[in-house]
């Protein structure tokens, strides 16, 4: 690959981290960069083995140090330790901020070269524990990104709370209709405080519980239900298979 082509790509995109499918001036620059990174990483691994006094299985496919200097001069971060897509979004976000923009925090708000930077920033904040310490340090110190607080994270629903919400929907239906003969496709609308945030949202502060589907599924696993749960439904006139 011509060095001038790589440099031109980096000048236009503000990085030399092209996706594998990228082409530039008719050249498959994405494939070339991917292969070059693989060779550079092989050389890096060999150097680490030598430094540790361990044998190097093979030097085949490793990029010579002189060849690494060329892409390093174009973009020092062209061959990151971590995922290249992560590095690309990081650089685009950094460039956006350095150009006077604010940190993208809304999905779809800032899209650069096909990368949704708001979606990426959100993914970093909520996936903080999966990042390497070096990545965390970079985000905190260069982009001022902090991990999502507990108050921002969705509440994890337990099986007990899910059951309670569905049972509340069943009781509401029974109180209104006087029976629990719920059509398979019926959905019950509950006040938000009586249901789970994980259910599909409805209008006017209501949430939607697919009551008919839930009851059908409960009938299929009736033999495995705890006695109290069977009793709760029996009190509403639950129709079990084989007992109707």
Protein backbone atom coordinates (compact mmCIF):
# COMPACT_ATOMS: atom_id res chain seq x y z
CA UNK A 1 0.00 0.00 0.00
CA UNK A 2 1.32 3.42 -0.98
CA UNK A 3 2.27 5.51 2.07
CA UNK A 4 0.79 8.61 0.41
CA UNK A 5 -2.62 6.93 0.12
CA UNK A 6 -2.62 5.99 3.81
CA UNK A 7 -1.61 9.52 4.75
CA UNK A 8 -4.35 11.01 2.58
CA UNK A 9 -6.97 8.78 4.20
CA UNK A 10 -5.77 9.79 7.66
CA UNK A 11 -5.85 13.48 6.74
CA UNK A 12 -9.45 13.30 5.59
CA UNK A 13 -10.71 11.07 8.43
CA UNK A 14 -8.50 12.41 11.26
CA UNK A 15 -7.27 8.88 11.99
CA UNK A 16 -5.80 5.82 10.30
CA UNK A 17 -8.27 3.27 11.65
CA UNK A 18 -10.27 2.36 8.56
CA UNK A 19 -12.88 -0.40 8.83
CA UNK A 20 -12.05 -3.56 6.89
CA UNK A 21 -14.52 -2.69 4.15
CA UNK A 22 -13.01 0.77 3.49
CA UNK A 23 -11.53 1.65 0.11
CA UNK A 24 -9.67 4.79 -0.85
CA UNK A 25 -8.90 5.95 -4.36
CA UNK A 26 -9.68 2.43 -5.56
CA UNK A 27 -7.39 0.77 -3.03
CA UNK A 28 -8.67 -1.73 -0.38
CA UNK A 29 -7.15 0.33 2.42
CA UNK A 30 -9.28 -1.36 5.09
CA UNK A 31 -7.98 -4.83 4.29
CA UNK A 32 -4.41 -3.56 4.06
CA UNK A 33 -4.67 -1.84 7.46
CA UNK A 34 -6.16 -4.96 9.04
CA UNK A 35 -3.33 -7.15 7.75
CA UNK A 36 -0.73 -4.57 8.77
CA UNK A 37 -2.15 -4.41 12.30
CA UNK A 38 -2.03 -8.19 12.56
CA UNK A 39 1.63 -8.14 11.54
CA UNK A 40 2.43 -5.33 13.97
CA UNK A 41 0.69 -7.14 16.82
CA UNK A 42 2.61 -10.32 16.02
CA UNK A 43 5.85 -8.33 16.26
CA UNK A 44 4.70 -6.84 19.57
CA UNK A 45 3.92 -10.28 20.99
CA UNK A 46 7.34 -11.56 19.92
CA UNK A 47 9.04 -8.63 21.60
CA UNK A 48 7.16 -9.33 24.82
CA UNK A 49 8.23 -12.98 24.71
CA UNK A 50 11.88 -12.02 24.21
CA UNK A 51 11.70 -9.49 27.03
CA UNK A 52 10.37 -12.22 29.31
CA UNK A 53 13.16 -14.57 28.26
CA UNK A 54 10.74 -16.93 26.52
CA UNK A 55 11.26 -18.60 23.15
CA UNK A 56 9.60 -17.03 20.10
CA UNK A 57 7.72 -19.71 18.14
CA UNK A 58 8.17 -17.96 14.80
CA UNK A 59 9.00 -14.55 13.40
CA UNK A 60 6.97 -15.25 10.26
CA UNK A 61 4.27 -12.67 9.62
CA UNK A 62 5.73 -10.15 12.08
CA UNK A 63 6.19 -6.59 10.87
CA UNK A 64 9.73 -5.24 10.95
CA UNK A 65 10.32 -2.27 13.23
CA UNK A 66 11.29 -0.04 10.30
CA UNK A 67 7.97 -0.74 8.60
CA UNK A 68 6.05 0.04 11.78
CA UNK A 69 7.55 3.52 11.86
CA UNK A 70 5.63 4.56 8.74
CA UNK A 71 2.04 4.04 9.99
CA UNK A 72 3.13 5.21 13.46
CA UNK A 73 4.13 8.53 11.88
CA UNK A 74 0.71 8.82 10.20
CA UNK A 75 -1.30 7.91 13.32
CA UNK A 76 0.37 6.76 16.56
CA UNK A 77 -2.84 5.00 17.59
CA UNK A 78 -3.33 3.05 14.36
CA UNK A 79 -2.64 -0.32 16.03
CA UNK A 80 -4.28 -0.26 19.48
CA UNK A 81 -4.09 -3.06 22.03
CA UNK A 82 -7.88 -3.17 22.11
CA UNK A 83 -10.56 -3.29 19.43
CA UNK A 84 -9.91 -1.01 16.44
CA UNK A 85 -13.57 0.07 16.23
CA UNK A 86 -13.33 1.31 19.84
CA UNK A 87 -10.24 3.33 19.03
CA UNK A 88 -11.86 4.78 15.92
CA UNK A 89 -14.91 6.02 17.85
CA UNK A 90 -12.67 7.38 20.58
CA UNK A 91 -10.63 9.40 18.08
CA UNK A 92 -13.72 10.72 16.30
CA UNK A 93 -15.25 11.75 19.63
CA UNK A 94 -12.00 13.42 20.69
CA UNK A 95 -11.79 15.27 17.35
CA UNK A 96 -15.42 16.38 17.68
CA UNK A 97 -14.76 17.88 21.12
CA UNK A 98 -11.48 19.50 20.09
CA UNK A 99 -13.33 21.16 17.20
CA UNK A 100 -15.62 22.89 19.70
CA UNK A 101 -18.38 20.31 20.06
CA UNK A 102 -19.79 18.98 23.32
CA UNK A 103 -19.57 15.38 24.46
CA UNK A 104 -22.16 13.43 22.40
CA UNK A 105 -24.60 11.81 24.83
CA UNK A 106 -27.72 11.32 22.70
CA UNK A 107 -28.09 8.36 20.36
CA UNK A 108 -28.22 9.66 16.80
CA UNK A 109 -27.20 13.17 17.82
CA UNK A 110 -23.70 13.12 16.33
CA UNK A 111 -22.83 10.70 13.51
CA UNK A 112 -19.38 11.04 11.94
CA UNK A 113 -18.17 8.83 9.08
CA UNK A 114 -21.00 6.42 9.86
CA UNK A 115 -20.17 6.16 13.59
CA UNK A 116 -22.88 7.13 16.09
CA UNK A 117 -20.75 8.83 18.73
CA UNK A 118 -23.59 9.33 21.19
CA UNK A 119 -24.35 5.61 21.12
CA UNK A 120 -20.66 4.87 21.65
CA UNK A 121 -20.33 7.24 24.62
CA UNK A 122 -23.42 5.72 26.22
CA UNK A 123 -22.05 2.20 25.70
CA UNK A 124 -18.80 3.17 27.46
CA UNK A 125 -20.60 4.66 30.46
CA UNK A 126 -22.86 1.65 30.95
CA UNK A 127 -20.19 -0.94 30.08
CA UNK A 128 -17.45 0.63 32.20
CA UNK A 129 -16.61 -2.59 34.06
CA UNK A 130 -15.78 -4.36 30.78
CA UNK A 131 -13.15 -1.77 29.78
CA UNK A 132 -9.45 -2.18 30.43
CA UNK A 133 -7.98 0.13 33.10
CA UNK A 134 -6.07 1.98 30.37
CA UNK A 135 -9.29 2.61 28.44
CA UNK A 136 -11.01 3.87 31.58
CA UNK A 137 -8.11 6.23 32.23
CA UNK A 138 -8.23 7.56 28.67
CA UNK A 139 -11.96 8.21 28.81
CA UNK A 140 -11.81 9.91 32.20
CA UNK A 141 -8.80 12.10 31.43
CA UNK A 142 -9.27 13.05 27.79
CA UNK A 143 -13.03 12.99 27.22
CA UNK A 144 -14.18 13.50 30.84
CA UNK A 145 -16.46 10.47 30.55
CA UNK A 146 -17.55 8.91 33.84
CA UNK A 147 -19.25 5.56 34.45
CA UNK A 148 -23.03 5.57 34.70
CA UNK A 149 -24.31 6.02 38.25
CA UNK A 150 -26.54 3.48 39.94
CA UNK A 151 -29.48 5.88 39.66
CA UNK A 152 -29.10 5.86 35.86
CA UNK A 153 -29.06 2.10 35.45
CA UNK A 154 -32.31 0.22 34.86
CA UNK A 155 -33.60 -1.70 37.84
CA UNK A 156 -32.95 -5.42 37.48
CA UNK A 157 -36.21 -7.28 37.82
CA UNK A 158 -36.36 -10.54 39.74
CA UNK A 159 -38.69 -13.40 38.98
CA UNK A 160 -40.69 -12.47 42.09
CA UNK A 161 -41.24 -8.86 41.02
CA UNK A 162 -42.18 -9.96 37.50
CA UNK A 163 -44.71 -12.40 38.93
CA UNK A 164 -46.13 -9.68 41.21
CA UNK A 165 -46.70 -7.33 38.28
CA UNK A 166 -48.42 -9.99 36.18
CA UNK A 167 -50.55 -11.05 39.14
CA UNK A 168 -51.55 -7.40 39.66
CA UNK A 169 -52.71 -7.31 36.04
CA UNK A 170 -54.69 -10.52 36.56
CA UNK A 171 -56.37 -9.13 39.68
CA UNK A 172 -57.22 -5.91 37.87
CA UNK A 173 -58.82 -7.86 34.99
CA UNK A 174 -60.76 -10.05 37.45
CA UNK A 175 -62.01 -7.06 39.43
CA UNK A 176 -63.32 -5.46 36.24
CA UNK A 177 -64.69 -8.56 34.43
CA UNK A 178 -65.57 -10.85 37.32
CA UNK A 179 -63.61 -13.77 35.82
CA UNK A 180 -60.16 -14.69 34.51
CA UNK A 181 -61.11 -16.01 31.10
CA UNK A 182 -58.57 -13.83 29.33
CA UNK A 183 -58.24 -13.99 25.52
CA UNK A 184 -54.81 -15.13 24.33
CA UNK A 185 -53.96 -11.78 22.74
CA UNK A 186 -55.34 -9.56 25.50
CA UNK A 187 -53.05 -6.93 27.02
CA UNK A 188 -53.86 -5.30 30.35
CA UNK A 189 -52.91 -1.68 31.08
CA UNK A 190 -51.60 -1.01 34.58
CA UNK A 191 -50.72 2.18 36.40
CA UNK A 192 -46.94 2.58 36.37
CA UNK A 193 -46.55 2.19 40.13
CA UNK A 194 -48.30 -1.18 40.00
CA UNK A 195 -46.13 -2.65 37.24
CA UNK A 196 -42.52 -3.12 36.25
CA UNK A 197 -40.45 -0.60 34.38
CA UNK A 198 -39.32 -3.43 32.14
CA UNK A 199 -42.79 -3.88 30.58
CA UNK A 200 -43.69 -2.24 27.32
CA UNK A 201 -44.72 1.34 27.86
CA UNK A 202 -48.20 2.59 27.05
CA UNK A 203 -49.80 6.00 26.92
CA UNK A 204 -50.74 8.28 29.82
CA UNK A 205 -48.29 6.80 32.28
CA UNK A 206 -49.58 3.25 31.81
CA UNK A 207 -47.61 0.11 31.09
CA UNK A 208 -48.77 -2.84 29.05
CA UNK A 209 -48.86 -6.38 30.44
CA UNK A 210 -49.52 -9.17 27.95
CA UNK A 211 -51.86 -10.92 30.35
CA UNK A 212 -53.31 -13.49 27.97
CA UNK A 213 -49.88 -14.72 26.91
CA UNK A 214 -48.65 -14.83 30.50
CA UNK A 215 -51.61 -16.89 31.72
CA UNK A 216 -51.20 -19.32 28.84
CA UNK A 217 -47.53 -19.79 29.74
CA UNK A 218 -48.39 -20.25 33.42
CA UNK A 219 -50.85 -23.04 32.55
CA UNK A 220 -48.14 -24.86 30.61
CA UNK A 221 -45.83 -24.95 33.65
CA UNK A 222 -48.54 -25.37 36.27
CA UNK A 223 -46.93 -28.48 37.74
CA UNK A 224 -43.80 -26.51 38.62
CA UNK A 225 -45.55 -23.58 40.28
CA UNK A 226 -45.15 -23.02 44.04
CA UNK A 227 -48.35 -23.75 45.93
CA UNK A 228 -48.88 -20.11 46.92
CA UNK A 229 -48.79 -18.97 43.32
CA UNK A 230 -51.35 -21.57 42.32
CA UNK A 231 -53.52 -20.48 45.24
CA UNK A 232 -53.30 -16.80 44.22
CA UNK A 233 -54.58 -17.66 40.76
CA UNK A 234 -57.20 -20.12 42.00
CA UNK A 235 -58.69 -17.28 44.03
CA UNK A 236 -59.25 -15.45 40.75
CA UNK A 237 -60.94 -18.43 39.12
CA UNK A 238 -57.92 -19.53 37.09
CA UNK A 239 -58.83 -22.13 34.45
CA UNK A 240 -56.11 -24.81 34.42
CA UNK A 241 -55.66 -27.32 31.62
CA UNK A 242 -57.64 -30.49 32.28
CA UNK A 243 -59.76 -28.85 35.02
CA UNK A 244 -62.12 -26.65 32.99
